[in-house]
Every structure is written in C-alpha cells, then in structure tokens.
Amino acid sequence: MKKLIMSAMLVAGLAFSASAQRYCIIDSKYILDKVVEYKDANTKLDQLSKTWQTDIDSRMQEVERMYKAYQAERAMLSDDMRKKREDEIVEKEKTARDLQKQRFGFEGDLFKERQKMVKPIQDKVYNAVQKMATSKGFDLVYDKASGSGLFYADVKLDKSDDVLKLLGITK
C-alpha cells in the first residue's frame, strides 16, 4: 500500500513539474534562410568550393592525360624513362589528392572558411533565441530543424517569426 501511494505521489509530482515548464518551438533552418548574411555567406562558400573543385579537376585531368600519353609511348621508352614518367604521374596525382584533402578534408580550408563566415551568424541567431526565450519566460526551446525527434508541433508554438523580428528581419 505504501508503495502504491509513493508511486502515485511520484507520478503526480512528475506531472506537476512537467506542466510547469514552458516551451516553444523554432525552426532554425527557416530563420537562417531569412537571414541575408547567411545566404550571402553560403553563396560565397559555394563559389569558393566550385573554384577549388575546378582547379582539382583540371589537375586530375592533367594526370589522366599524362597517363594516357605514357601508355601510348611505354613500349618505346627505356626502363629509366618509364620509371621517371611513372614517378612524375604518381607525384602529380599525389599533389592533386593532397590539395583536395587540404581544401575539402576534415577541418580543411572549406571547413575553416565556413566557420569564419557562418559561425558568427549562427551565434547571432542563438543569442536572439536565448534573448527571446528569456524575455518570454520559456524554459525550453525545441528546434524542429535539428532532427531532435520532434514529430508534431502546433503552429502557434512556433516562435521563429519572433526571432526574425528581434533580428530586424521582416517576412
């Protein structure tokens, strides 16, 4: 009997504490899509990425061209010349792959540029969300864009437009 009463009190306490929390839902993707600086940063990053990829592609095409020329001339080359040409091809390919890794690899140039250009904008949005949550008395803010397992959200709980308003952005 004591266990039943304790369990009922525990459930009632949890229900009370859960209902006492205020929360809202935002869509950070929606918010960031409305921030002009974010769009501009992504456009610049895309252009930079395309430029770097074009350079890498042209280097790999040069390696392919060298290899085809080597294959065509291989029978006529001495052992020393074959070895020299193979080494040149391997070195060019290694240089291109190293450049690709430097530009696009984990914590590469593209990652660093993204951090430099996008992180301040994300921090600005985070601070606006925090300010909105504090001023409106929300205990929790869920982000439906982050894939946090939120399955359903009532539209009246979405406060993304309030954050945009604090950022000075109108629809």
N, C-alpha and C. Protein backbone atom coordinates (compact mmCIF):
# COMPACT_ATOMS: atom_id res chain seq x y z
N MET A 1 0.81 -1.19 0.00
CA MET A 1 0.00 0.00 0.00
C MET A 1 0.86 1.26 0.00
N LYS A 2 1.94 1.22 0.83
CA LYS A 2 2.85 2.36 0.88
C LYS A 2 3.48 2.61 -0.49
N LYS A 3 3.85 1.51 -1.17
CA LYS A 3 4.46 1.63 -2.49
C LYS A 3 3.50 2.26 -3.48
N LEU A 4 2.25 1.90 -3.41
CA LEU A 4 1.25 2.44 -4.31
C LEU A 4 1.07 3.94 -4.09
N ILE A 5 1.02 4.34 -2.84
CA ILE A 5 0.86 5.76 -2.51
C ILE A 5 2.09 6.55 -2.94
N MET A 6 3.29 5.99 -2.69
CA MET A 6 4.53 6.66 -3.09
C MET A 6 4.61 6.80 -4.61
N SER A 7 4.22 5.76 -5.31
CA SER A 7 4.23 5.79 -6.78
C SER A 7 3.27 6.84 -7.30
N ALA A 8 2.09 6.91 -6.72
CA ALA A 8 1.10 7.91 -7.13
C ALA A 8 1.61 9.32 -6.87
N MET A 9 2.28 9.53 -5.74
CA MET A 9 2.84 10.85 -5.42
C MET A 9 3.97 11.20 -6.38
N LEU A 10 4.78 10.22 -6.73
CA LEU A 10 5.87 10.44 -7.67
C LEU A 10 5.33 10.82 -9.04
N VAL A 11 4.33 10.10 -9.51
CA VAL A 11 3.71 10.39 -10.81
C VAL A 11 3.08 11.77 -10.80
N ALA A 12 2.38 12.11 -9.71
CA ALA A 12 1.75 13.42 -9.60
C ALA A 12 2.81 14.52 -9.58
N GLY A 13 3.91 14.28 -8.87
CA GLY A 13 5.00 15.25 -8.83
C GLY A 13 5.63 15.47 -10.19
N LEU A 14 5.85 14.39 -10.91
CA LEU A 14 6.43 14.50 -12.25
C LEU A 14 5.47 15.22 -13.20
N ALA A 15 4.21 14.91 -13.12
CA ALA A 15 3.22 15.56 -13.97
C ALA A 15 3.17 17.06 -13.67
N PHE A 16 3.23 17.41 -12.38
CA PHE A 16 3.21 18.82 -11.99
C PHE A 16 4.44 19.55 -12.52
N SER A 17 5.63 18.93 -12.34
CA SER A 17 6.86 19.60 -12.78
C SER A 17 6.92 19.70 -14.30
N ALA A 18 6.39 18.70 -15.00
CA ALA A 18 6.39 18.74 -16.46
C ALA A 18 5.45 19.83 -16.97
N SER A 19 4.33 20.01 -16.31
CA SER A 19 3.38 21.02 -16.77
C SER A 19 3.84 22.42 -16.40
N ALA A 20 4.73 22.53 -15.43
CA ALA A 20 5.20 23.84 -15.00
C ALA A 20 6.22 24.44 -15.97
N GLN A 21 6.81 23.62 -16.82
CA GLN A 21 7.81 24.11 -17.75
C GLN A 21 7.13 24.72 -18.97
N ARG A 22 7.64 25.86 -19.39
CA ARG A 22 7.13 26.49 -20.60
C ARG A 22 8.12 26.23 -21.72
N TYR A 23 7.61 25.96 -22.90
CA TYR A 23 8.48 25.68 -24.03
C TYR A 23 7.90 26.28 -25.30
N CYS A 24 8.75 26.39 -26.28
CA CYS A 24 8.31 26.82 -27.61
C CYS A 24 9.13 26.06 -28.64
N ILE A 25 8.73 26.22 -29.86
CA ILE A 25 9.40 25.53 -30.96
C ILE A 25 9.83 26.57 -31.98
N ILE A 26 11.05 26.42 -32.46
CA ILE A 26 11.53 27.28 -33.55
C ILE A 26 12.01 26.37 -34.69
N ASP A 27 12.24 26.98 -35.81
CA ASP A 27 12.79 26.28 -36.98
C ASP A 27 14.04 27.05 -37.39
N SER A 28 15.21 26.58 -36.96
CA SER A 28 16.44 27.32 -37.23
C SER A 28 16.74 27.39 -38.73
N LYS A 29 16.37 26.39 -39.49
CA LYS A 29 16.57 26.43 -40.95
C LYS A 29 15.74 27.57 -41.55
N TYR A 30 14.50 27.68 -41.13
CA TYR A 30 13.61 28.75 -41.59
C TYR A 30 14.21 30.12 -41.24
N ILE A 31 14.69 30.24 -40.02
CA ILE A 31 15.26 31.51 -39.56
C ILE A 31 16.51 31.84 -40.38
N LEU A 32 17.43 30.88 -40.50
CA LEU A 32 18.67 31.13 -41.23
C LEU A 32 18.41 31.44 -42.70
N ASP A 33 17.39 30.82 -43.29
CA ASP A 33 17.05 31.10 -44.68
C ASP A 33 16.57 32.54 -44.88
N LYS A 34 16.09 33.16 -43.82
CA LYS A 34 15.62 34.54 -43.88
C LYS A 34 16.74 35.55 -43.59
N VAL A 35 17.88 35.09 -43.09
CA VAL A 35 19.00 35.99 -42.75
C VAL A 35 19.84 36.19 -44.01
N VAL A 36 19.87 37.41 -44.52
CA VAL A 36 20.56 37.72 -45.77
C VAL A 36 22.05 37.40 -45.69
N GLU A 37 22.67 37.72 -44.55
CA GLU A 37 24.10 37.46 -44.40
C GLU A 37 24.41 35.96 -44.53
N TYR A 38 23.51 35.14 -44.04
CA TYR A 38 23.70 33.69 -44.12
C TYR A 38 23.62 33.22 -45.57
N LYS A 39 22.64 33.73 -46.31
CA LYS A 39 22.53 33.39 -47.73
C LYS A 39 23.78 33.84 -48.49
N ASP A 40 24.24 35.05 -48.21
CA ASP A 40 25.44 35.58 -48.87
C ASP A 40 26.66 34.73 -48.56
N ALA A 41 26.80 34.34 -47.30
CA ALA A 41 27.95 33.52 -46.89
C ALA A 41 27.91 32.17 -47.61
N ASN A 42 26.73 31.57 -47.68
CA ASN A 42 26.61 30.28 -48.38
C ASN A 42 26.90 30.41 -49.86
N THR A 43 26.48 31.52 -50.48
CA THR A 43 26.77 31.76 -51.89
C THR A 43 28.28 31.88 -52.11
N LYS A 44 28.94 32.64 -51.24
CA LYS A 44 30.39 32.80 -51.35
C LYS A 44 31.11 31.47 -51.15
N LEU A 45 30.64 30.69 -50.19
CA LEU A 45 31.24 29.38 -49.94
C LEU A 45 31.05 28.44 -51.13
N ASP A 46 29.88 28.49 -51.74
CA ASP A 46 29.62 27.67 -52.93
C ASP A 46 30.54 28.06 -54.08
N GLN A 47 30.73 29.38 -54.28
CA GLN A 47 31.61 29.85 -55.35
C GLN A 47 33.05 29.42 -55.08
N LEU A 48 33.48 29.57 -53.85
CA LEU A 48 34.84 29.18 -53.47
C LEU A 48 35.04 27.69 -53.68
N SER A 49 34.05 26.91 -53.29
CA SER A 49 34.10 25.46 -53.45
C SER A 49 34.19 25.07 -54.92
N LYS A 50 33.39 25.71 -55.76
CA LYS A 50 33.42 25.43 -57.20
C LYS A 50 34.77 25.78 -57.80
N THR A 51 35.34 26.90 -57.40
CA THR A 51 36.65 27.32 -57.90
C THR A 51 37.72 26.29 -57.53
N TRP A 52 37.71 25.89 -56.28
CA TRP A 52 38.69 24.90 -55.82
C TRP A 52 38.49 23.56 -56.52
N GLN A 53 37.23 23.16 -56.68
CA GLN A 53 36.95 21.88 -57.34
C GLN A 53 37.38 21.91 -58.80
N THR A 54 37.19 23.04 -59.48
CA THR A 54 37.62 23.18 -60.87
C THR A 54 39.13 23.02 -60.97
N ASP A 55 39.85 23.63 -60.06
CA ASP A 55 41.32 23.51 -60.04
C ASP A 55 41.74 22.06 -59.84
N ILE A 56 41.12 21.40 -58.90
CA ILE A 56 41.44 19.99 -58.62
C ILE A 56 41.10 19.11 -59.82
N ASP A 57 39.93 19.36 -60.43
CA ASP A 57 39.53 18.58 -61.60
C ASP A 57 40.52 18.75 -62.75
N SER A 58 40.98 19.98 -62.97
CA SER A 58 41.94 20.20 -64.06
C SER A 58 43.27 19.50 -63.77
N ARG A 59 43.67 19.47 -62.52
CA ARG A 59 44.89 18.75 -62.15
C ARG A 59 44.73 17.24 -62.38
N MET A 60 43.57 16.71 -62.04
CA MET A 60 43.33 15.27 -62.25
C MET A 60 43.23 14.95 -63.74
N GLN A 61 42.69 15.87 -64.53
CA GLN A 61 42.65 15.68 -65.98
C GLN A 61 44.06 15.67 -66.56
N GLU A 62 44.92 16.51 -66.02
CA GLU A 62 46.32 16.53 -66.46
C GLU A 62 46.99 15.20 -66.13
N VAL A 63 46.71 14.65 -64.96
CA VAL A 63 47.25 13.34 -64.59
C VAL A 63 46.75 12.29 -65.57
N GLU A 64 45.47 12.33 -65.90
CA GLU A 64 44.89 11.37 -66.85
C GLU A 64 45.54 11.51 -68.22
N ARG A 65 45.73 12.75 -68.66
CA ARG A 65 46.38 12.99 -69.96
C ARG A 65 47.81 12.45 -69.96
N MET A 66 48.53 12.70 -68.88
CA MET A 66 49.91 12.20 -68.77
C MET A 66 49.93 10.67 -68.80
N TYR A 67 48.98 10.06 -68.12
CA TYR A 67 48.94 8.60 -68.05
C TYR A 67 48.64 8.00 -69.43
N LYS A 68 47.69 8.59 -70.15
CA LYS A 68 47.37 8.10 -71.50
C LYS A 68 48.56 8.25 -72.44
N ALA A 69 49.25 9.37 -72.34
CA ALA A 69 50.44 9.58 -73.17
C ALA A 69 51.52 8.56 -72.81
N TYR A 70 51.67 8.31 -71.54
CA TYR A 70 52.64 7.31 -71.07
C TYR A 70 52.29 5.93 -71.61
N GLN A 71 51.01 5.55 -71.54
CA GLN A 71 50.57 4.24 -72.04
C GLN A 71 50.87 4.09 -73.52
N ALA A 72 50.66 5.17 -74.28
CA ALA A 72 50.91 5.12 -75.73
C ALA A 72 52.39 4.99 -76.05
N GLU A 73 53.24 5.60 -75.24
CA GLU A 73 54.68 5.62 -75.52
C GLU A 73 55.47 4.59 -74.73
N ARG A 74 54.84 3.89 -73.85
CA ARG A 74 55.51 2.99 -72.92
C ARG A 74 56.42 1.98 -73.61
N ALA A 75 55.96 1.38 -74.67
CA ALA A 75 56.75 0.35 -75.35
C ALA A 75 58.05 0.90 -75.92
N MET A 76 58.07 2.17 -76.23
CA MET A 76 59.27 2.77 -76.84
C MET A 76 60.22 3.36 -75.80
N LEU A 77 59.86 3.38 -74.55
CA LEU A 77 60.68 4.01 -73.51
C LEU A 77 61.63 3.00 -72.87
N SER A 78 62.78 3.51 -72.47
CA SER A 78 63.71 2.67 -71.72
C SER A 78 63.18 2.49 -70.30
N ASP A 79 63.78 1.56 -69.56
CA ASP A 79 63.34 1.32 -68.18
C ASP A 79 63.46 2.57 -67.33
N ASP A 80 64.57 3.28 -67.50
CA ASP A 80 64.79 4.51 -66.72
C ASP A 80 63.74 5.57 -67.07
N MET A 81 63.44 5.71 -68.36
CA MET A 81 62.44 6.70 -68.77
C MET A 81 61.04 6.31 -68.27
N ARG A 82 60.74 5.01 -68.32
CA ARG A 82 59.44 4.54 -67.80
C ARG A 82 59.31 4.89 -66.32
N LYS A 83 60.34 4.56 -65.57
CA LYS A 83 60.34 4.82 -64.13
C LYS A 83 60.17 6.32 -63.85
N LYS A 84 60.88 7.13 -64.61
CA LYS A 84 60.83 8.58 -64.43
C LYS A 84 59.41 9.10 -64.72
N ARG A 85 58.80 8.65 -65.81
CA ARG A 85 57.46 9.09 -66.19
C ARG A 85 56.42 8.61 -65.17
N GLU A 86 56.56 7.36 -64.70
CA GLU A 86 55.64 6.84 -63.69
C GLU A 86 55.71 7.66 -62.42
N ASP A 87 56.94 7.98 -62.02
CA ASP A 87 57.13 8.80 -60.82
C ASP A 87 56.50 10.19 -60.98
N GLU A 88 56.65 10.78 -62.17
CA GLU A 88 56.04 12.09 -62.43
C GLU A 88 54.52 12.02 -62.32
N ILE A 89 53.95 10.97 -62.90
CA ILE A 89 52.49 10.81 -62.86
C ILE A 89 52.02 10.61 -61.43
N VAL A 90 52.69 9.74 -60.70
CA VAL A 90 52.32 9.47 -59.31
C VAL A 90 52.45 10.75 -58.47
N GLU A 91 53.50 11.51 -58.68
CA GLU A 91 53.71 12.74 -57.92
C GLU A 91 52.63 13.77 -58.23
N LYS A 92 52.28 13.92 -59.50
CA LYS A 92 51.21 14.86 -59.88
C LYS A 92 49.87 14.44 -59.25
N GLU A 93 49.58 13.15 -59.28
CA GLU A 93 48.34 12.67 -58.70
C GLU A 93 48.32 12.88 -57.19
N LYS A 94 49.44 12.62 -56.55
CA LYS A 94 49.55 12.83 -55.10
C LYS A 94 49.34 14.30 -54.75
N THR A 95 49.94 15.18 -55.54
CA THR A 95 49.79 16.61 -55.30
C THR A 95 48.32 17.03 -55.42
N ALA A 96 47.64 16.51 -56.44
CA ALA A 96 46.22 16.84 -56.63
C ALA A 96 45.38 16.30 -55.48
N ARG A 97 45.64 15.09 -55.04
CA ARG A 97 44.88 14.50 -53.93
C ARG A 97 45.17 15.24 -52.62
N ASP A 98 46.42 15.64 -52.42
CA ASP A 98 46.76 16.41 -51.22
C ASP A 98 46.03 17.75 -51.21
N LEU A 99 45.96 18.38 -52.39
CA LEU A 99 45.25 19.65 -52.49
C LEU A 99 43.76 19.45 -52.20
N GLN A 100 43.20 18.36 -52.73
CA GLN A 100 41.80 18.05 -52.48
C GLN A 100 41.55 17.87 -50.97
N LYS A 101 42.44 17.16 -50.32
CA LYS A 101 42.32 16.95 -48.87
C LYS A 101 42.47 18.27 -48.12
N GLN A 102 43.41 19.10 -48.55
CA GLN A 102 43.63 20.38 -47.91
C GLN A 102 42.40 21.28 -48.05
N ARG A 103 41.77 21.27 -49.21
CA ARG A 103 40.61 22.13 -49.46
C ARG A 103 39.33 21.58 -48.83
N PHE A 104 39.07 20.27 -49.03
CA PHE A 104 37.77 19.71 -48.67
C PHE A 104 37.81 18.70 -47.54
N GLY A 105 38.97 18.36 -47.04
CA GLY A 105 39.08 17.36 -45.99
C GLY A 105 38.56 17.84 -44.65
N PHE A 106 38.57 16.92 -43.70
CA PHE A 106 38.15 17.23 -42.34
C PHE A 106 38.99 18.39 -41.82
N GLU A 107 38.32 19.46 -41.40
CA GLU A 107 38.96 20.69 -40.94
C GLU A 107 39.86 21.29 -42.01
N GLY A 108 39.46 21.14 -43.28
CA GLY A 108 40.19 21.72 -44.40
C GLY A 108 39.82 23.19 -44.59
N ASP A 109 40.28 23.75 -45.71
CA ASP A 109 40.06 25.17 -45.97
C ASP A 109 38.58 25.52 -46.05
N LEU A 110 37.78 24.66 -46.66
CA LEU A 110 36.34 24.95 -46.77
C LEU A 110 35.70 24.95 -45.38
N PHE A 111 36.06 24.01 -44.53
CA PHE A 111 35.55 23.96 -43.16
C PHE A 111 35.93 25.24 -42.41
N LYS A 112 37.18 25.67 -42.56
CA LYS A 112 37.65 26.87 -41.86
C LYS A 112 36.92 28.12 -42.36
N GLU A 113 36.73 28.20 -43.67
CA GLU A 113 36.01 29.34 -44.23
C GLU A 113 34.55 29.35 -43.75
N ARG A 114 33.95 28.17 -43.70
CA ARG A 114 32.57 28.07 -43.23
C ARG A 114 32.49 28.54 -41.77
N GLN A 115 33.44 28.12 -40.95
CA GLN A 115 33.47 28.54 -39.54
C GLN A 115 33.61 30.06 -39.46
N LYS A 116 34.48 30.61 -40.29
CA LYS A 116 34.74 32.05 -40.25
C LYS A 116 33.53 32.86 -40.72
N MET A 117 32.81 32.35 -41.74
CA MET A 117 31.72 33.12 -42.32
C MET A 117 30.36 32.83 -41.69
N VAL A 118 30.09 31.58 -41.34
CA VAL A 118 28.75 31.19 -40.91
C VAL A 118 28.60 31.19 -39.39
N LYS A 119 29.62 30.82 -38.67
CA LYS A 119 29.53 30.71 -37.21
C LYS A 119 29.07 32.01 -36.54
N PRO A 120 29.60 33.18 -36.92
CA PRO A 120 29.10 34.41 -36.29
C PRO A 120 27.60 34.64 -36.51
N ILE A 121 27.10 34.24 -37.68
CA ILE A 121 25.67 34.39 -37.96
C ILE A 121 24.87 33.43 -37.09
N GLN A 122 25.35 32.19 -36.99
CA GLN A 122 24.67 31.22 -36.13
C GLN A 122 24.68 31.67 -34.68
N ASP A 123 25.79 32.24 -34.23
CA ASP A 123 25.87 32.76 -32.86
C ASP A 123 24.88 33.90 -32.65
N LYS A 124 24.73 34.75 -33.65
CA LYS A 124 23.78 35.87 -33.58
C LYS A 124 22.35 35.34 -33.43
N VAL A 125 22.01 34.32 -34.20
CA VAL A 125 20.68 33.72 -34.12
C VAL A 125 20.50 33.05 -32.75
N TYR A 126 21.52 32.32 -32.30
CA TYR A 126 21.45 31.67 -30.99
C TYR A 126 21.20 32.70 -29.89
N ASN A 127 21.91 33.80 -29.94
CA ASN A 127 21.74 34.84 -28.91
C ASN A 127 20.34 35.45 -28.99
N ALA A 128 19.80 35.61 -30.20
CA ALA A 128 18.45 36.14 -30.34
C ALA A 128 17.42 35.16 -29.77
N VAL A 129 17.62 33.86 -30.02
CA VAL A 129 16.72 32.84 -29.48
C VAL A 129 16.78 32.85 -27.95
N GLN A 130 17.99 32.92 -27.44
CA GLN A 130 18.15 32.96 -25.98
C GLN A 130 17.48 34.20 -25.38
N LYS A 131 17.63 35.33 -26.03
CA LYS A 131 17.01 36.57 -25.55
C LYS A 131 15.48 36.47 -25.59
N MET A 132 14.96 35.92 -26.71
CA MET A 132 13.51 35.76 -26.85
C MET A 132 12.98 34.80 -25.78
N ALA A 133 13.69 33.70 -25.56
CA ALA A 133 13.25 32.70 -24.58
C ALA A 133 13.25 33.29 -23.16
N THR A 134 14.27 34.04 -22.84
CA THR A 134 14.37 34.65 -21.52
C THR A 134 13.28 35.69 -21.31
N SER A 135 13.08 36.55 -22.32
CA SER A 135 12.10 37.62 -22.17
C SER A 135 10.66 37.11 -22.13
N LYS A 136 10.40 35.99 -22.79
CA LYS A 136 9.03 35.44 -22.81
C LYS A 136 8.83 34.34 -21.78
N GLY A 137 9.87 34.03 -21.03
CA GLY A 137 9.74 33.07 -19.94
C GLY A 137 9.69 31.61 -20.37
N PHE A 138 10.29 31.27 -21.49
CA PHE A 138 10.31 29.88 -21.93
C PHE A 138 11.44 29.14 -21.25
N ASP A 139 11.12 27.94 -20.78
CA ASP A 139 12.14 27.10 -20.16
C ASP A 139 12.89 26.28 -21.19
N LEU A 140 12.21 25.89 -22.23
CA LEU A 140 12.80 25.04 -23.26
C LEU A 140 12.47 25.59 -24.63
N VAL A 141 13.41 25.46 -25.55
CA VAL A 141 13.18 25.84 -26.93
C VAL A 141 13.60 24.66 -27.78
N TYR A 142 12.65 24.10 -28.47
CA TYR A 142 12.95 22.97 -29.36
C TYR A 142 13.17 23.49 -30.78
N ASP A 143 14.10 22.88 -31.46
CA ASP A 143 14.39 23.24 -32.84
C ASP A 143 13.92 22.11 -33.74
N LYS A 144 12.87 22.35 -34.50
CA LYS A 144 12.34 21.27 -35.33
C LYS A 144 13.21 21.00 -36.55
N ALA A 145 14.16 21.88 -36.86
CA ALA A 145 15.05 21.66 -38.00
C ALA A 145 16.23 20.76 -37.63
N SER A 146 16.51 20.60 -36.36
CA SER A 146 17.71 19.86 -35.96
C SER A 146 17.49 18.36 -35.90
N GLY A 147 16.30 17.91 -36.19
CA GLY A 147 16.03 16.48 -36.15
C GLY A 147 16.07 15.92 -34.74
N SER A 148 15.58 16.69 -33.79
CA SER A 148 15.64 16.29 -32.39
C SER A 148 14.55 15.29 -32.00
N GLY A 149 13.88 14.72 -32.99
CA GLY A 149 12.86 13.74 -32.68
C GLY A 149 11.48 14.36 -32.50
N LEU A 150 11.35 15.62 -32.80
CA LEU A 150 10.07 16.30 -32.70
C LEU A 150 9.21 15.86 -33.87
N PHE A 151 8.10 15.24 -33.55
CA PHE A 151 7.24 14.68 -34.61
C PHE A 151 6.13 15.64 -34.99
N TYR A 152 5.56 16.31 -34.02
CA TYR A 152 4.45 17.23 -34.27
C TYR A 152 4.67 18.50 -33.47
N ALA A 153 4.36 19.60 -34.12
CA ALA A 153 4.45 20.88 -33.43
C ALA A 153 3.26 21.74 -33.81
N ASP A 154 2.54 22.22 -32.81
CA ASP A 154 1.42 23.12 -33.06
C ASP A 154 1.99 24.43 -33.61
N VAL A 155 1.39 24.94 -34.66
CA VAL A 155 1.88 26.15 -35.32
C VAL A 155 1.95 27.33 -34.36
N LYS A 156 1.01 27.41 -33.43
CA LYS A 156 1.01 28.56 -32.50
C LYS A 156 2.21 28.54 -31.55
N LEU A 157 2.90 27.41 -31.44
CA LEU A 157 4.09 27.34 -30.60
C LEU A 157 5.36 27.78 -31.32
N ASP A 158 5.32 27.85 -32.65
CA ASP A 158 6.50 28.22 -33.43
C ASP A 158 6.77 29.71 -33.27
N LYS A 159 7.89 30.03 -32.70
CA LYS A 159 8.25 31.42 -32.41
C LYS A 159 9.37 31.91 -33.34
N SER A 160 9.55 31.28 -34.47
CA SER A 160 10.60 31.66 -35.42
C SER A 160 10.43 33.10 -35.88
N ASP A 161 9.19 33.53 -36.13
CA ASP A 161 8.95 34.90 -36.58
C ASP A 161 9.34 35.91 -35.49
N ASP A 162 9.15 35.56 -34.22
CA ASP A 162 9.58 36.44 -33.13
C ASP A 162 11.10 36.63 -33.14
N VAL A 163 11.84 35.56 -33.43
CA VAL A 163 13.30 35.64 -33.51
C VAL A 163 13.70 36.51 -34.68
N LEU A 164 13.02 36.32 -35.84
CA LEU A 164 13.32 37.15 -37.01
C LEU A 164 13.06 38.63 -36.71
N LYS A 165 11.99 38.89 -35.96
CA LYS A 165 11.66 40.27 -35.59
C LYS A 165 12.78 40.87 -34.73
N LEU A 166 13.30 40.08 -33.80
CA LEU A 166 14.41 40.57 -32.96
C LEU A 166 15.68 40.79 -33.78
N LEU A 167 15.81 40.04 -34.88
CA LEU A 167 16.97 40.22 -35.76
C LEU A 167 16.74 41.37 -36.74
N GLY A 168 15.54 41.95 -36.73
CA GLY A 168 15.22 43.06 -37.61
C GLY A 168 14.86 42.62 -39.01
N ILE A 169 14.38 41.38 -39.16
CA ILE A 169 14.04 40.85 -40.48
C ILE A 169 12.54 40.64 -40.54
N THR A 170 11.93 41.20 -41.59
CA THR A 170 10.50 41.02 -41.78
C THR A 170 10.29 40.05 -42.94
N LYS A 171 9.16 39.39 -42.93
CA LYS A 171 8.86 38.39 -43.97
C LYS A 171 8.85 38.99 -45.34
